[in-house]
Amino acid sequence: MSEVIREHGFRSEPLLSSAEATCATIAEAIADAEGVSPFDIDPLYESIDPDALGRFLDSADPEDDVSIAFTHGQWSVTVQAGGRVVVGEA
């Protein structure tokens, strides 16, 4: 099982505080795992409501151990309240 992990603090990216930044990070992680451009993957809105994901991140305490998990194509995606995105094979 391959796994791509992105954590803010190790890259120069904005904190995950909006649906747009969150979806961009997820798309980049999936694209990295597939070895393609983020523009070549299926739109994330086919798997999750980006606005709902943004509301979750805006309202969750980053210190809490809560996350949202969903499947996008062949990938399992987990987004933690603190901004960590984990992508692995479903």
Protein backbone atom coordinates (compact mmCIF):
# COMPACT_ATOMS: atom_id res chain seq x y z
CA MET A 1 0.00 0.00 0.00
CA SER A 2 1.45 3.34 -1.00
CA GLU A 3 0.79 6.37 1.13
CA VAL A 4 1.37 10.08 0.64
CA ILE A 5 1.35 12.29 3.72
CA ARG A 6 1.28 16.08 3.63
CA GLU A 7 1.71 18.11 6.78
CA HIS A 8 1.82 21.88 6.88
CA GLY A 9 5.00 23.18 8.39
CA PHE A 10 7.18 21.10 6.09
CA ARG A 11 6.18 22.94 2.93
CA SER A 12 5.49 26.54 2.11
CA GLU A 13 1.70 26.25 1.88
CA PRO A 14 -1.17 28.05 3.57
CA LEU A 15 -2.75 26.43 6.61
CA LEU A 16 -5.80 24.33 5.83
CA SER A 17 -8.44 26.82 6.82
CA SER A 18 -10.54 27.01 3.67
CA ALA A 19 -12.18 24.61 1.27
CA GLU A 20 -10.01 25.87 -1.59
CA ALA A 21 -6.68 25.28 0.18
CA THR A 22 -7.83 21.91 1.49
CA CYS A 23 -8.97 20.67 -1.90
CA ALA A 24 -5.75 21.88 -3.54
CA THR A 25 -3.66 19.96 -0.99
CA ILE A 26 -5.76 16.80 -1.46
CA ALA A 27 -5.55 17.08 -5.26
CA GLU A 28 -1.76 17.50 -5.09
CA ALA A 29 -1.39 14.49 -2.79
CA ILE A 30 -3.52 12.27 -5.05
CA ALA A 31 -1.68 13.52 -8.13
CA ASP A 32 1.68 12.81 -6.45
CA ALA A 33 0.52 9.28 -5.65
CA GLU A 34 -0.58 8.73 -9.26
CA GLY A 35 2.43 10.49 -10.77
CA VAL A 36 0.26 12.96 -12.72
CA SER A 37 -0.68 16.63 -12.65
CA PRO A 38 -3.42 17.69 -10.20
CA PHE A 39 -5.35 18.82 -13.29
CA ASP A 40 -5.45 15.22 -14.54
CA ILE A 41 -7.38 13.72 -11.61
CA ASP A 42 -11.18 13.54 -11.32
CA PRO A 43 -12.73 16.58 -9.61
CA LEU A 44 -12.91 16.20 -5.83
CA TYR A 45 -16.52 17.39 -5.75
CA GLU A 46 -17.42 13.99 -7.23
CA SER A 47 -16.40 12.43 -3.89
CA ILE A 48 -16.90 15.09 -1.21
CA ASP A 49 -18.62 18.44 -0.72
CA PRO A 50 -15.71 20.93 -0.60
CA ASP A 51 -17.77 23.47 1.36
CA ALA A 52 -18.62 20.89 4.04
CA LEU A 53 -14.95 19.95 4.27
CA GLY A 54 -14.04 23.61 4.66
CA ARG A 55 -16.64 24.09 7.41
CA PHE A 56 -15.26 21.05 9.24
CA LEU A 57 -11.73 22.47 9.18
CA ASP A 58 -12.84 25.98 10.11
CA SER A 59 -14.80 24.75 13.13
CA ALA A 60 -12.57 21.92 14.39
CA ASP A 61 -9.90 22.54 17.01
CA PRO A 62 -6.54 21.56 15.43
CA GLU A 63 -5.57 19.89 18.71
CA ASP A 64 -8.59 17.56 18.63
CA ASP A 65 -8.16 14.03 17.32
CA VAL A 66 -10.93 14.26 14.71
CA SER A 67 -10.83 13.63 10.99
CA ILE A 68 -12.91 13.15 7.87
CA ALA A 69 -12.25 10.16 5.62
CA PHE A 70 -13.57 9.48 2.13
CA THR A 71 -12.69 7.56 -1.01
CA HIS A 72 -11.77 9.30 -4.26
CA GLY A 73 -11.37 6.81 -7.09
CA GLN A 74 -8.82 4.25 -5.96
CA TRP A 75 -7.62 6.44 -3.09
CA SER A 76 -8.55 6.63 0.57
CA VAL A 77 -8.26 10.22 1.81
CA THR A 78 -8.15 11.28 5.47
CA VAL A 79 -8.11 14.94 6.50
CA GLN A 80 -7.36 15.64 10.16
CA ALA A 81 -8.48 18.74 12.04
CA GLY A 82 -4.88 19.91 12.36
CA GLY A 83 -4.45 20.02 8.57
CA ARG A 84 -2.74 16.70 7.93
CA VAL A 85 -3.82 15.01 4.68
CA VAL A 86 -3.15 11.29 4.24
CA VAL A 87 -3.75 9.57 0.90
CA GLY A 88 -3.40 5.81 0.50
CA GLU A 89 -4.74 3.07 -1.71
CA ALA A 90 -8.37 2.28 -0.92
